[in-house]
């Protein structure tokens, strides 16, 4: 029975309308009233609950604790408003256990020591909390053990959580990082469009880019950043991958590719361009002549009596001689010109930008060819202490916009053989009647 018949009607109506189980307990803890919602929660019809001790609804291990809690709440006036919800192990009528959150409060409009017990099945909530704690533990375990760096920031860039990997990368301790902003870790000034980037991150949900980070010891290192935005929490999850080793590997690969390209386009003995690279540069020069109208020239150089040197002193001496010839030829031209080795003792020199006037270009070519022939006459000192002397047979030709690469090389080659057939040691410039000579 409820304690005061005058209040029974309105109180009963209020308790019956409640969405959770509501029990009225007398001072001894017996149930005086149960609403309809109690059946859905506990499995008992309200009439079955009336007269039972409330502790009968609990697991035996929790009964004493709840009895003590209820008794203290009933006896001590100061505790009357302190009956906050606590979770106990409840038992339904069918024997199933449930997590039962019980809150105690004074019964309204009565001076008797009657207590209102509000009960709620929180089994699912507890399961979700357990699952959430397990999920968070797994998340923390993954985050703390991944090789990549990780930190979590708010929208202002303040670091709220960081893993051990990023501490190792940055050289800062976790306590130091938790007092810092992301901007302090960047190796480059923050982008001026920081607000726009944040808007893009929020719009896309994820953003990846490369930047640089600065360690505590001031070392700047390349990093790949992946940002995941959590708009509901106003937080950003950031994965940082140190690209130092990757960049070093890429540099090694690029260097190896450059070596391979050199093997493909350069003579392995002299490191001069080979015939393939010469052909490419010749085509480019013809195209440049078409645009600018300037004449260029090709000189075919053959070193006389090279076979005699090889036969008498060996191939090592011959290689030394060819390397010295290559250095003399390379030293005689400008950076924009080309010296190539196209055969055993045959070289091609291509000089650019002589003149837009053919006669002026011819005069410059004649002067250059004569100086080159004289330069190649100087003695060659070999490693075995011997001195080798040699002359050069040089054939040359001018070319311009309408020339064909194959015809240019063929013409210069034929001019060189013209000198060779006359005993070598001279210059023959096709189209210049004054320059066929013997040295």
Protein backbone atom coordinates (compact mmCIF):
# COMPACT_ATOMS: atom_id res chain seq x y z
CA UNK A 1 0.00 0.00 0.00
CA UNK A 2 1.13 3.52 -0.67
CA UNK A 3 1.74 5.53 2.54
CA UNK A 4 -0.86 8.26 2.16
CA UNK A 5 -4.27 7.51 0.58
CA UNK A 6 -4.77 11.20 -0.23
CA UNK A 7 -1.83 11.14 -2.60
CA UNK A 8 -2.33 7.66 -3.96
CA UNK A 9 -4.31 8.52 -7.06
CA UNK A 10 -2.06 11.22 -8.56
CA UNK A 11 1.14 9.45 -7.49
CA UNK A 12 0.00 6.15 -8.98
CA UNK A 13 -0.88 7.89 -12.24
CA UNK A 14 2.51 9.61 -12.33
CA UNK A 15 4.44 6.39 -11.67
CA UNK A 16 2.41 4.39 -14.16
CA UNK A 17 3.20 6.88 -16.90
CA UNK A 18 6.96 6.62 -16.28
CA UNK A 19 8.89 4.80 -19.06
CA UNK A 20 11.13 2.94 -16.60
CA UNK A 21 10.50 0.55 -13.74
CA UNK A 22 9.35 2.47 -10.64
CA UNK A 23 9.04 0.76 -7.24
CA UNK A 24 7.87 2.25 -3.96
CA UNK A 25 9.70 0.68 -0.99
CA UNK A 26 8.54 0.76 2.62
CA UNK A 27 11.07 1.41 5.42
CA UNK A 28 11.92 -2.31 5.57
CA UNK A 29 12.65 -2.48 1.88
CA UNK A 30 9.51 -4.32 0.84
CA UNK A 31 7.90 -3.35 -2.42
CA UNK A 32 4.65 -1.44 -1.80
CA UNK A 33 3.97 -0.54 -5.42
CA UNK A 34 5.32 -1.42 -8.88
CA UNK A 35 4.35 0.22 -12.14
CA UNK A 36 3.65 -1.52 -15.44
CA UNK A 37 7.13 -0.78 -16.82
CA UNK A 38 8.58 -2.96 -14.06
CA UNK A 39 7.27 -6.06 -15.80
CA UNK A 40 9.11 -5.26 -19.03
CA UNK A 41 12.30 -4.75 -17.06
CA UNK A 42 12.11 -7.53 -14.48
CA UNK A 43 9.66 -10.05 -15.93
CA UNK A 44 7.34 -9.94 -12.90
CA UNK A 45 3.78 -8.65 -13.06
CA UNK A 46 3.33 -5.65 -10.71
CA UNK A 47 1.09 -7.67 -8.35
CA UNK A 48 3.82 -10.32 -8.07
CA UNK A 49 6.34 -7.73 -6.93
CA UNK A 50 4.22 -6.20 -4.16
CA UNK A 51 5.37 -7.56 -0.78
CA UNK A 52 8.75 -8.83 -2.01
CA UNK A 53 12.01 -7.53 -0.55
CA UNK A 54 13.65 -5.41 -3.20
CA UNK A 55 16.94 -7.27 -2.67
CA UNK A 56 15.26 -10.43 -3.98
CA UNK A 57 15.57 -8.85 -7.42
CA UNK A 58 19.37 -8.81 -7.15
CA UNK A 59 22.12 -11.36 -7.52
CA UNK A 60 23.05 -12.81 -4.13
CA UNK A 61 26.48 -11.18 -4.27
CA UNK A 62 24.94 -7.68 -4.54
CA UNK A 63 22.10 -7.99 -2.01
CA UNK A 64 24.07 -7.03 1.07
CA UNK A 65 25.63 -4.03 -0.63
CA UNK A 66 22.26 -2.75 -1.83
CA UNK A 67 20.59 -3.36 1.56
CA UNK A 68 23.29 -1.33 3.28
CA UNK A 69 23.02 1.41 0.71
CA UNK A 70 19.21 1.55 1.01
CA UNK A 71 19.24 1.49 4.80
CA UNK A 72 21.69 4.37 4.98
CA UNK A 73 19.61 6.32 2.51
CA UNK A 74 16.44 5.71 4.57
CA UNK A 75 17.97 6.51 7.98
CA UNK A 76 20.09 9.55 7.30
CA UNK A 77 18.20 12.69 6.28
CA UNK A 78 21.36 14.20 4.77
CA UNK A 79 21.52 11.26 2.41
CA UNK A 80 17.92 11.62 1.28
CA UNK A 81 18.87 13.50 -1.87
CA UNK A 82 22.05 11.58 -2.56
CA UNK A 83 20.67 8.36 -3.93
CA UNK A 84 22.33 8.60 -7.34
CA UNK A 85 22.03 5.63 -9.69
CA UNK A 86 24.31 2.65 -9.04
CA UNK A 87 24.56 -0.51 -11.11
CA UNK A 88 23.88 -3.89 -9.49
CA UNK A 89 23.60 -7.40 -10.90
CA UNK A 90 19.85 -7.99 -11.18
CA UNK A 91 17.96 -11.24 -11.79
CA UNK A 92 14.82 -11.42 -13.88
CA UNK A 93 11.90 -13.73 -13.08
CA UNK A 94 13.14 -16.18 -15.75
CA UNK A 95 16.57 -16.31 -14.10
CA UNK A 96 18.43 -14.21 -16.67
CA UNK A 97 20.87 -11.74 -15.20
CA UNK A 98 20.89 -8.10 -16.19
CA UNK A 99 22.79 -4.97 -15.33
CA UNK A 100 20.28 -2.99 -13.25
CA UNK A 101 20.88 0.68 -12.55
CA UNK A 102 18.98 1.63 -9.38
CA UNK A 103 18.42 5.19 -8.23
CA UNK A 104 16.84 5.98 -4.85
CA UNK A 105 14.97 9.15 -3.99
CA UNK A 106 12.51 10.29 -1.29
CA UNK A 107 8.90 9.63 -2.06
CA UNK A 108 7.17 12.95 -2.83
CA UNK A 109 4.51 14.42 -0.53
CA UNK A 110 5.12 12.12 2.45
CA UNK A 111 7.00 12.24 5.71
CA UNK A 112 7.17 8.48 6.02
CA UNK A 113 10.45 6.71 5.30
CA UNK A 114 9.20 5.41 1.98
CA UNK A 115 11.65 5.37 -0.88
CA UNK A 116 11.15 5.57 -4.62
CA UNK A 117 13.42 3.16 -6.51
CA UNK A 118 13.93 3.88 -10.21
CA UNK A 119 15.28 0.86 -12.09
CA UNK A 120 16.67 0.69 -15.60
CA UNK A 121 18.08 -2.22 -17.56
CA UNK A 122 21.52 -1.03 -18.69
CA UNK A 123 22.81 -4.40 -19.88
CA UNK A 124 23.16 -3.24 -23.46
CA UNK A 125 24.78 0.00 -22.35
CA UNK A 126 27.31 -1.93 -20.29
CA UNK A 127 28.04 -4.22 -23.21
CA UNK A 128 28.55 -1.21 -25.44
CA UNK A 129 30.81 0.39 -22.83
CA UNK A 130 32.85 -2.80 -22.55
CA UNK A 131 33.07 -3.02 -26.34
CA UNK A 132 34.01 0.66 -26.51
CA UNK A 133 36.74 0.22 -23.91
CA UNK A 134 38.03 -2.83 -25.77
CA UNK A 135 37.90 -0.93 -29.06
CA UNK A 136 39.73 2.01 -27.51
CA UNK A 137 42.33 -0.34 -26.06
CA UNK A 138 42.84 -1.90 -29.49
CA UNK A 139 43.01 1.54 -31.06
CA UNK A 140 45.57 2.69 -28.51
CA UNK A 141 47.57 -0.49 -29.03
CA UNK A 142 47.57 -0.04 -32.81
CA UNK A 143 48.36 3.68 -32.63
CA UNK A 144 51.13 3.18 -30.09
CA UNK A 145 52.76 0.38 -32.07
CA UNK A 146 52.51 1.47 -35.70
CA UNK A 147 55.85 2.51 -37.23
CA UNK A 148 54.34 5.76 -38.53
CA UNK A 149 53.98 8.81 -36.35
CA UNK A 150 50.54 9.80 -35.08
CA UNK A 151 49.08 12.76 -33.31
CA UNK A 152 45.57 14.07 -32.71
CA UNK A 153 44.87 17.80 -32.80
CA UNK A 154 41.99 20.19 -32.33
CA UNK A 155 40.95 22.65 -35.05
CA UNK A 156 43.55 25.16 -33.81
CA UNK A 157 46.37 22.67 -34.36
CA UNK A 158 47.06 21.99 -30.68
CA UNK A 159 48.30 18.45 -30.09
CA UNK A 160 46.04 16.42 -27.80
CA UNK A 161 47.54 12.94 -28.19
CA UNK A 162 50.74 11.56 -29.70
CA UNK A 163 52.30 8.12 -30.13
CA UNK A 164 55.81 6.90 -29.36
CA UNK A 165 56.80 6.72 -33.04
CA UNK A 166 56.34 10.45 -33.56
CA UNK A 167 58.19 11.19 -30.32
CA UNK A 168 61.11 9.23 -31.78
CA UNK A 169 60.84 11.00 -35.14
CA UNK A 170 60.67 14.49 -33.67
CA UNK A 171 63.02 14.07 -30.72
CA UNK A 172 60.42 15.59 -28.38
CA UNK A 173 58.91 13.80 -25.40
CA UNK A 174 55.16 13.25 -25.28
CA UNK A 175 54.83 15.85 -22.51
CA UNK A 176 56.65 18.42 -24.67
CA UNK A 177 54.51 17.70 -27.71
CA UNK A 178 51.27 17.97 -25.76
CA UNK A 179 52.21 21.59 -25.02
CA UNK A 180 52.91 22.42 -28.67
CA UNK A 181 51.07 23.40 -31.83
CA UNK A 182 51.56 21.62 -35.15
CA UNK A 183 52.96 24.81 -36.69
CA UNK A 184 55.98 24.57 -34.37
CA UNK A 185 56.85 21.18 -35.90
CA UNK A 186 56.80 22.22 -39.54
CA UNK A 187 60.08 22.61 -41.42
CA UNK A 188 58.50 25.23 -43.69
CA UNK A 189 56.27 28.19 -42.77
CA UNK A 190 52.56 27.29 -42.57
CA UNK A 191 50.64 27.85 -45.77
CA UNK A 192 48.88 31.20 -46.00
CA UNK A 193 45.73 29.43 -47.09
CA UNK A 194 45.63 27.41 -43.85
CA UNK A 195 41.92 28.13 -43.38
CA UNK A 196 41.14 27.01 -46.92
CA UNK A 197 43.09 23.77 -46.41
CA UNK A 198 41.18 23.05 -43.21
CA UNK A 199 37.92 23.62 -45.10
CA UNK A 200 39.05 21.17 -47.78
CA UNK A 201 39.96 18.59 -45.14
CA UNK A 202 36.56 18.92 -43.51
CA UNK A 203 34.84 18.69 -46.90
CA UNK A 204 36.78 15.65 -48.09
CA UNK A 205 37.15 13.99 -44.71
CA UNK A 206 40.70 13.02 -45.64
CA UNK A 207 43.69 14.85 -47.08
CA UNK A 208 47.19 13.67 -48.03
CA UNK A 209 50.21 15.79 -48.95
CA UNK A 210 53.97 16.01 -48.53
CA UNK A 211 55.74 18.61 -46.45
CA UNK A 212 58.73 18.92 -44.11
CA UNK A 213 58.94 18.55 -40.35
CA UNK A 214 61.57 19.92 -38.00
CA UNK A 215 62.99 17.81 -35.17
CA UNK A 216 63.97 19.11 -31.76
CA UNK A 217 67.62 19.15 -32.87
CA UNK A 218 66.63 21.38 -35.87
CA UNK A 219 66.98 18.58 -38.43
CA UNK A 220 64.48 19.08 -41.24
CA UNK A 221 63.12 15.88 -42.75
CA UNK A 222 60.59 15.08 -45.50
CA UNK A 223 57.22 13.77 -44.35
CA UNK A 224 54.02 12.46 -45.92
CA UNK A 225 50.98 13.65 -43.99
CA UNK A 226 47.56 11.97 -44.00
CA UNK A 227 44.83 13.87 -42.13
CA UNK A 228 41.46 12.41 -41.22
CA UNK A 229 38.90 14.91 -39.95
CA UNK A 230 36.26 14.09 -37.33
CA UNK A 231 33.87 17.08 -37.67
CA UNK A 232 31.57 15.95 -34.86
CA UNK A 233 34.49 16.05 -32.41
CA UNK A 234 36.25 19.00 -34.06
CA UNK A 235 39.40 16.86 -34.08
CA UNK A 236 41.98 15.77 -36.64
CA UNK A 237 43.80 12.45 -36.73
CA UNK A 238 47.20 12.85 -38.37
CA UNK A 239 49.50 10.09 -39.63
CA UNK A 240 53.10 11.16 -40.31
CA UNK A 241 55.41 9.00 -42.41
CA UNK A 242 59.12 9.81 -42.40
CA UNK A 243 60.20 9.85 -46.06
CA UNK A 244 63.93 10.29 -45.36
CA UNK A 245 64.88 6.73 -46.34
CA UNK A 246 62.45 6.73 -49.27
CA UNK A 247 63.87 9.99 -50.60
CA UNK A 248 67.40 8.63 -50.21
CA UNK A 249 66.40 5.48 -52.10
CA UNK A 250 64.80 7.57 -54.83
CA UNK A 251 67.99 9.63 -55.11
CA UNK A 252 70.02 6.42 -55.44
CA UNK A 253 67.64 5.15 -58.11
CA UNK A 254 67.87 8.44 -60.00
CA UNK A 255 71.65 8.29 -59.79
CA UNK A 256 71.60 4.70 -61.06
CA UNK A 257 69.28 5.71 -63.89
CA UNK A 258 71.65 8.54 -64.76
CA UNK A 259 74.53 6.06 -64.90
CA UNK A 260 72.48 3.79 -67.16
CA UNK A 261 71.66 6.73 -69.40
CA UNK A 262 75.35 7.56 -69.52
CA UNK A 263 76.14 4.00 -70.54
CA UNK A 264 73.56 4.29 -73.30
CA UNK A 265 74.65 7.71 -74.57
CA UNK A 266 78.33 8.00 -73.66
CA UNK A 267 81.56 6.36 -74.67
CA UNK A 268 82.72 4.20 -71.72
CA UNK A 269 86.43 4.97 -72.26
CA UNK A 270 86.43 8.74 -72.71
CA UNK A 271 82.95 9.51 -71.25
CA UNK A 272 82.31 11.66 -74.32
CA UNK A 273 78.91 11.49 -76.02
CA UNK A 274 78.62 8.50 -78.36
CA UNK A 275 77.14 8.35 -81.85
CA UNK A 276 73.56 8.07 -80.52
CA UNK A 277 73.79 11.20 -78.37
CA UNK A 278 75.60 13.04 -81.15
CA UNK A 279 72.75 12.24 -83.56
CA UNK A 280 70.19 13.60 -81.07
CA UNK A 281 72.13 16.83 -80.54
CA UNK A 282 72.67 17.21 -84.26
CA UNK A 283 68.92 17.04 -84.89
CA UNK A 284 68.34 19.63 -82.18
CA UNK A 285 70.98 21.90 -83.69
CA UNK A 286 69.38 21.68 -87.13
CA UNK A 287 66.03 22.65 -85.57
CA UNK A 288 67.68 25.57 -83.74
CA UNK A 289 69.24 26.73 -87.03
CA UNK A 290 65.78 26.74 -88.59
CA UNK A 291 64.59 29.09 -85.86
CA UNK A 292 67.62 31.40 -85.61
CA UNK A 293 69.19 31.10 -89.04
CA UNK A 294 72.72 30.61 -87.69
CA UNK A 295 75.17 28.20 -89.31
CA UNK A 296 76.83 25.42 -87.36
CA UNK A 297 79.63 23.04 -88.31
CA UNK A 298 80.71 19.43 -87.92
CA UNK A 299 84.38 18.39 -87.89
CA UNK A 300 85.29 14.72 -88.36
CA UNK A 301 88.63 14.00 -86.64
CA UNK A 302 90.73 10.87 -87.23
CA UNK A 303 94.04 10.43 -85.37
CA UNK A 304 96.79 9.24 -87.74
CA UNK A 305 99.00 6.22 -86.99
CA UNK A 306 96.82 5.05 -84.08
CA UNK A 307 97.08 1.40 -85.16
CA UNK A 308 100.87 1.66 -85.07
CA UNK A 309 100.70 2.85 -81.43
CA UNK A 310 98.43 -0.03 -80.45
CA UNK A 311 100.66 -2.59 -82.15
CA UNK A 312 103.91 -1.27 -80.67
CA UNK A 313 102.85 -0.18 -77.14
CA UNK A 314 99.68 -2.15 -76.49
CA UNK A 315 96.03 -1.29 -76.04
CA UNK A 316 96.57 0.31 -72.63
CA UNK A 317 98.83 2.92 -74.21
CA UNK A 318 96.30 3.36 -77.02
CA UNK A 319 93.53 3.99 -74.46
CA UNK A 320 95.65 6.57 -72.66
CA UNK A 321 96.30 8.32 -75.93
CA UNK A 322 92.59 8.42 -76.84
CA UNK A 323 91.67 9.82 -73.43
CA UNK A 324 94.22 12.61 -73.87
CA UNK A 325 92.86 13.37 -77.33
CA UNK A 326 89.34 13.51 -75.85
CA UNK A 327 90.45 15.98 -73.18
CA UNK A 328 92.14 18.24 -75.76
CA UNK A 329 89.09 18.25 -77.97
CA UNK A 330 86.74 18.94 -75.03
CA UNK A 331 89.00 21.77 -73.88
CA UNK A 332 88.88 23.40 -77.30
CA UNK A 333 85.10 23.92 -77.41
CA UNK A 334 82.45 25.86 -75.49
CA UNK A 335 79.79 24.39 -73.21
CA UNK A 336 77.15 24.55 -75.93
CA UNK A 337 79.33 22.65 -78.41
CA UNK A 338 79.68 18.85 -78.57
CA UNK A 339 82.63 16.48 -78.79
CA UNK A 340 81.76 12.84 -79.45
CA UNK A 341 83.71 9.65 -79.98
CA UNK A 342 82.16 7.70 -82.87
CA UNK A 343 84.77 5.00 -83.51
CA UNK A 344 88.18 3.63 -82.44
CA UNK A 345 90.23 6.77 -83.10
CA UNK A 346 87.49 8.86 -84.71
CA UNK A 347 85.89 11.87 -83.08
CA UNK A 348 83.27 14.38 -84.16
CA UNK A 349 83.23 17.99 -83.04
CA UNK A 350 80.07 20.05 -83.51
CA UNK A 351 80.30 23.83 -83.00
CA UNK A 352 77.20 26.00 -82.85
CA UNK A 353 76.22 29.59 -83.51
CA UNK A 354 78.96 30.53 -85.98
CA UNK A 355 77.07 33.26 -87.85
CA UNK A 356 73.95 33.92 -89.89
CA UNK A 357 76.27 34.92 -92.73
CA UNK A 358 77.71 31.93 -94.57
CA UNK A 359 81.06 33.54 -95.44
CA UNK A 360 81.58 34.74 -91.86
CA UNK A 361 80.67 31.30 -90.58
CA UNK A 362 83.17 29.71 -92.98
CA UNK A 363 85.96 32.00 -91.78
CA UNK A 364 85.26 31.10 -88.14
CA UNK A 365 85.20 27.40 -89.00
CA UNK A 366 88.52 27.65 -90.85
CA UNK A 367 90.17 29.41 -87.89
CA UNK A 368 88.81 26.89 -85.40
CA UNK A 369 89.86 23.88 -87.53
CA UNK A 370 93.41 25.17 -87.88
CA UNK A 371 93.74 25.77 -84.15
CA UNK A 372 92.32 22.34 -83.40
CA UNK A 373 94.80 20.65 -85.75
CA UNK A 374 97.68 22.49 -84.09
CA UNK A 375 96.43 21.55 -80.62
CA UNK A 376 96.38 17.87 -81.55
CA UNK A 377 100.01 18.03 -82.78
CA UNK A 378 101.43 18.50 -79.28
CA UNK A 379 103.24 15.39 -77.90
CA UNK A 380 101.31 12.86 -75.80
CA UNK A 381 103.08 11.62 -72.66
CA UNK A 382 102.04 8.08 -71.74
CA UNK A 383 102.22 6.31 -68.38
CA UNK A 384 105.06 4.04 -69.48
CA UNK A 385 107.27 7.12 -69.91
CA UNK A 386 107.14 7.15 -73.69
CA UNK A 387 106.07 10.10 -75.78
CA UNK A 388 103.75 9.60 -78.74
CA UNK A 389 103.40 12.09 -81.57
CA UNK A 390 100.44 12.14 -83.88
CA UNK A 391 98.75 14.24 -86.51
CA UNK A 392 95.05 14.50 -87.16
CA UNK A 393 93.08 14.23 -90.39
CA UNK A 394 90.15 16.64 -90.13
CA UNK A 395 87.19 16.95 -92.47
CA UNK A 396 84.60 19.69 -91.86
CA UNK A 397 81.40 21.10 -93.26
CA UNK A 398 78.97 23.89 -92.51
CA UNK A 399 75.26 23.17 -92.17
CA UNK A 400 72.07 25.10 -91.61
CA UNK A 401 68.32 24.75 -91.43
CA UNK A 402 67.75 22.65 -94.54
CA UNK A 403 70.46 20.08 -93.84
CA UNK A 404 69.95 16.39 -93.10
CA UNK A 405 71.84 14.85 -90.18
CA UNK A 406 73.00 11.84 -92.17
CA UNK A 407 74.23 14.00 -95.07
CA UNK A 408 76.15 16.30 -92.69
CA UNK A 409 78.11 13.47 -91.07
CA UNK A 410 78.69 11.76 -94.39
CA UNK A 411 80.05 14.95 -95.97
CA UNK A 412 82.44 15.62 -93.08
CA UNK A 413 83.56 11.97 -93.10
CA UNK A 414 84.30 12.09 -96.83
CA UNK A 415 86.27 15.32 -96.35
CA UNK A 416 88.32 13.63 -93.60
CA UNK A 417 89.10 10.65 -95.88
CA UNK A 418 90.19 13.09 -98.57
CA UNK A 419 92.88 14.32 -96.17
CA UNK A 420 93.67 10.77 -95.13
CA UNK A 421 94.16 9.70 -98.78
CA UNK A 422 96.73 12.44 -99.21
CA UNK A 423 98.85 11.19 -96.31
CA UNK A 424 96.89 12.65 -93.37
CA UNK A 425 97.75 15.50 -91.10
CA UNK A 426 95.54 18.21 -92.58
CA UNK A 427 92.18 19.92 -92.79
CA UNK A 428 89.59 19.78 -95.56
CA UNK A 429 86.51 22.01 -95.30
CA UNK A 430 83.84 21.22 -97.85
CA UNK A 431 82.83 24.35 -99.73
CA UNK A 432 85.97 26.31 -98.82
CA UNK A 433 88.53 26.24 -101.65
CA UNK A 434 91.25 27.82 -99.50
CA UNK A 435 91.40 25.41 -96.59
CA UNK A 436 92.39 22.03 -98.00
CA UNK A 437 95.92 21.68 -96.75
CA UNK A 438 98.48 19.37 -95.30
CA UNK A 439 99.87 19.90 -91.81
